[in-house]
Amino acid sequence: MELNYFKDKLFDLLNESDGLGIADLNAEDRKNLLTVTTEDGSVFELVFREATGKGDGWKNAN
């Protein structure tokens, strides 16, 4: 699975989820960043990067 495809699908999933209390989603594709603002005002940043390897040996693909 490509990283951009995964990011798009996760964005869609979060955007369509009514029970999570998400007020806003902001995608910055060039930074591989997704900012999630919840209804109570909390803000979370999701940073995407592809990982390779297994177990304790995870490494960034880039």
N, C-alpha and C. Protein backbone atom coordinates (compact mmCIF):
# COMPACT_ATOMS: atom_id res chain seq x y z
N MET A 1 0.86 -1.17 0.00
CA MET A 1 0.00 0.00 0.00
C MET A 1 0.90 1.24 0.00
N GLU A 2 0.56 2.19 -0.81
CA GLU A 2 1.33 3.44 -0.88
C GLU A 2 0.96 4.36 0.29
N LEU A 3 1.90 5.18 0.71
CA LEU A 3 1.69 6.09 1.83
C LEU A 3 0.55 7.07 1.57
N ASN A 4 0.51 7.65 0.38
CA ASN A 4 -0.55 8.63 0.07
C ASN A 4 -1.93 7.99 0.07
N TYR A 5 -2.02 6.76 -0.40
CA TYR A 5 -3.29 6.04 -0.38
C TYR A 5 -3.74 5.81 1.06
N PHE A 6 -2.81 5.39 1.91
CA PHE A 6 -3.11 5.17 3.32
C PHE A 6 -3.58 6.46 3.99
N LYS A 7 -2.87 7.57 3.73
CA LYS A 7 -3.26 8.87 4.32
C LYS A 7 -4.66 9.26 3.88
N ASP A 8 -4.96 9.10 2.60
CA ASP A 8 -6.28 9.44 2.07
C ASP A 8 -7.38 8.61 2.72
N LYS A 9 -7.13 7.31 2.87
CA LYS A 9 -8.13 6.43 3.46
C LYS A 9 -8.35 6.74 4.94
N LEU A 10 -7.28 7.04 5.66
CA LEU A 10 -7.42 7.40 7.08
C LEU A 10 -8.17 8.72 7.22
N PHE A 11 -7.87 9.69 6.37
CA PHE A 11 -8.60 10.96 6.38
C PHE A 11 -10.09 10.71 6.17
N ASP A 12 -10.42 9.90 5.15
CA ASP A 12 -11.82 9.59 4.87
C ASP A 12 -12.49 8.92 6.06
N LEU A 13 -11.80 7.98 6.67
CA LEU A 13 -12.34 7.26 7.82
C LEU A 13 -12.63 8.21 8.97
N LEU A 14 -11.69 9.08 9.29
CA LEU A 14 -11.90 10.04 10.37
C LEU A 14 -12.98 11.05 10.02
N ASN A 15 -13.01 11.48 8.78
CA ASN A 15 -13.98 12.47 8.33
C ASN A 15 -15.41 11.94 8.38
N GLU A 16 -15.58 10.65 8.17
CA GLU A 16 -16.91 10.04 8.12
C GLU A 16 -17.35 9.46 9.46
N SER A 17 -16.49 9.53 10.49
CA SER A 17 -16.80 8.95 11.80
C SER A 17 -17.55 9.96 12.66
N ASP A 18 -18.81 9.67 12.92
CA ASP A 18 -19.63 10.57 13.72
C ASP A 18 -19.37 10.43 15.21
N GLY A 19 -18.98 9.26 15.67
CA GLY A 19 -18.85 9.01 17.10
C GLY A 19 -17.55 9.43 17.73
N LEU A 20 -16.62 9.97 16.96
CA LEU A 20 -15.31 10.32 17.51
C LEU A 20 -15.24 11.75 18.03
N GLY A 21 -16.23 12.57 17.76
CA GLY A 21 -16.23 13.95 18.25
C GLY A 21 -15.20 14.83 17.56
N ILE A 22 -14.97 14.61 16.28
CA ILE A 22 -14.00 15.41 15.53
C ILE A 22 -14.69 16.65 14.98
N ALA A 23 -14.12 17.81 15.29
CA ALA A 23 -14.68 19.07 14.82
C ALA A 23 -14.05 19.52 13.51
N ASP A 24 -12.74 19.20 13.31
CA ASP A 24 -12.05 19.68 12.11
C ASP A 24 -10.87 18.77 11.80
N LEU A 25 -10.60 18.61 10.51
CA LEU A 25 -9.42 17.90 10.03
C LEU A 25 -8.68 18.82 9.08
N ASN A 26 -7.36 18.89 9.23
CA ASN A 26 -6.55 19.71 8.33
C ASN A 26 -5.38 18.87 7.84
N ALA A 27 -5.35 18.59 6.54
CA ALA A 27 -4.29 17.78 5.95
C ALA A 27 -3.25 18.69 5.29
N GLU A 28 -2.00 18.47 5.62
CA GLU A 28 -0.88 19.16 4.98
C GLU A 28 -0.05 18.07 4.31
N ASP A 29 -0.40 17.76 3.05
CA ASP A 29 0.21 16.64 2.35
C ASP A 29 1.72 16.77 2.19
N ARG A 30 2.21 17.95 1.93
CA ARG A 30 3.66 18.13 1.73
C ARG A 30 4.45 17.85 3.00
N LYS A 31 3.82 18.02 4.16
CA LYS A 31 4.47 17.76 5.44
C LYS A 31 4.09 16.39 6.00
N ASN A 32 3.25 15.66 5.26
CA ASN A 32 2.74 14.36 5.73
C ASN A 32 2.12 14.50 7.12
N LEU A 33 1.33 15.53 7.30
CA LEU A 33 0.77 15.89 8.60
C LEU A 33 -0.75 15.99 8.50
N LEU A 34 -1.42 15.44 9.49
CA LEU A 34 -2.87 15.56 9.62
C LEU A 34 -3.16 16.10 11.02
N THR A 35 -3.79 17.25 11.09
CA THR A 35 -4.15 17.86 12.36
C THR A 35 -5.63 17.62 12.62
N VAL A 36 -5.91 17.07 13.78
CA VAL A 36 -7.28 16.73 14.17
C VAL A 36 -7.67 17.61 15.35
N THR A 37 -8.77 18.35 15.21
CA THR A 37 -9.32 19.14 16.30
C THR A 37 -10.62 18.48 16.74
N THR A 38 -10.73 18.24 18.04
CA THR A 38 -11.93 17.58 18.55
C THR A 38 -12.93 18.62 19.03
N GLU A 39 -14.14 18.15 19.30
CA GLU A 39 -15.22 19.05 19.72
C GLU A 39 -14.92 19.75 21.05
N ASP A 40 -14.08 19.14 21.90
CA ASP A 40 -13.75 19.78 23.18
C ASP A 40 -12.55 20.72 23.06
N GLY A 41 -12.03 20.91 21.83
CA GLY A 41 -10.94 21.84 21.60
C GLY A 41 -9.55 21.22 21.63
N SER A 42 -9.45 19.93 21.92
CA SER A 42 -8.15 19.26 21.88
C SER A 42 -7.65 19.20 20.45
N VAL A 43 -6.33 19.28 20.29
CA VAL A 43 -5.72 19.23 18.96
C VAL A 43 -4.65 18.14 18.96
N PHE A 44 -4.70 17.29 17.95
CA PHE A 44 -3.74 16.21 17.80
C PHE A 44 -3.13 16.28 16.41
N GLU A 45 -1.84 15.99 16.31
CA GLU A 45 -1.15 15.95 15.03
C GLU A 45 -0.72 14.52 14.74
N LEU A 46 -1.07 14.05 13.56
CA LEU A 46 -0.63 12.74 13.10
C LEU A 46 0.41 12.96 12.01
N VAL A 47 1.60 12.44 12.20
CA VAL A 47 2.67 12.56 11.23
C VAL A 47 2.85 11.20 10.57
N PHE A 48 2.84 11.18 9.24
CA PHE A 48 2.92 9.94 8.49
C PHE A 48 4.29 9.75 7.89
N ARG A 49 4.82 8.53 8.03
CA ARG A 49 6.01 8.13 7.32
C ARG A 49 5.95 6.62 7.17
N GLU A 50 6.46 6.14 6.08
CA GLU A 50 6.45 4.71 5.82
C GLU A 50 7.57 4.05 6.62
N ALA A 51 7.26 2.94 7.25
CA ALA A 51 8.24 2.19 8.03
C ALA A 51 8.51 0.86 7.36
N THR A 52 9.74 0.36 7.52
CA THR A 52 10.11 -0.94 6.98
C THR A 52 10.68 -1.79 8.12
N GLY A 53 10.69 -3.07 7.94
CA GLY A 53 11.25 -3.96 8.94
C GLY A 53 10.16 -4.57 9.81
N LYS A 54 10.59 -5.37 10.75
CA LYS A 54 9.66 -6.06 11.64
C LYS A 54 10.15 -5.98 13.08
N GLY A 55 9.22 -6.17 14.00
CA GLY A 55 9.57 -6.25 15.42
C GLY A 55 10.28 -5.02 15.94
N ASP A 56 11.36 -5.21 16.66
CA ASP A 56 12.10 -4.11 17.27
C ASP A 56 12.97 -3.35 16.28
N GLY A 57 13.05 -3.83 15.05
CA GLY A 57 13.95 -3.20 14.07
C GLY A 57 13.29 -2.25 13.12
N TRP A 58 12.20 -1.57 13.51
CA TRP A 58 11.50 -0.63 12.61
C TRP A 58 12.43 0.48 12.20
N LYS A 59 12.39 0.81 10.94
CA LYS A 59 13.19 1.91 10.39
C LYS A 59 12.32 2.70 9.43
N ASN A 60 12.62 3.97 9.26
CA ASN A 60 11.92 4.79 8.27
C ASN A 60 12.36 4.37 6.88
N ALA A 61 11.42 4.32 5.96
CA ALA A 61 11.73 3.95 4.59
C ALA A 61 12.51 5.05 3.89
N ASN A 62 12.32 6.30 4.31
CA ASN A 62 12.99 7.42 3.62
C ASN A 62 14.31 7.68 4.25
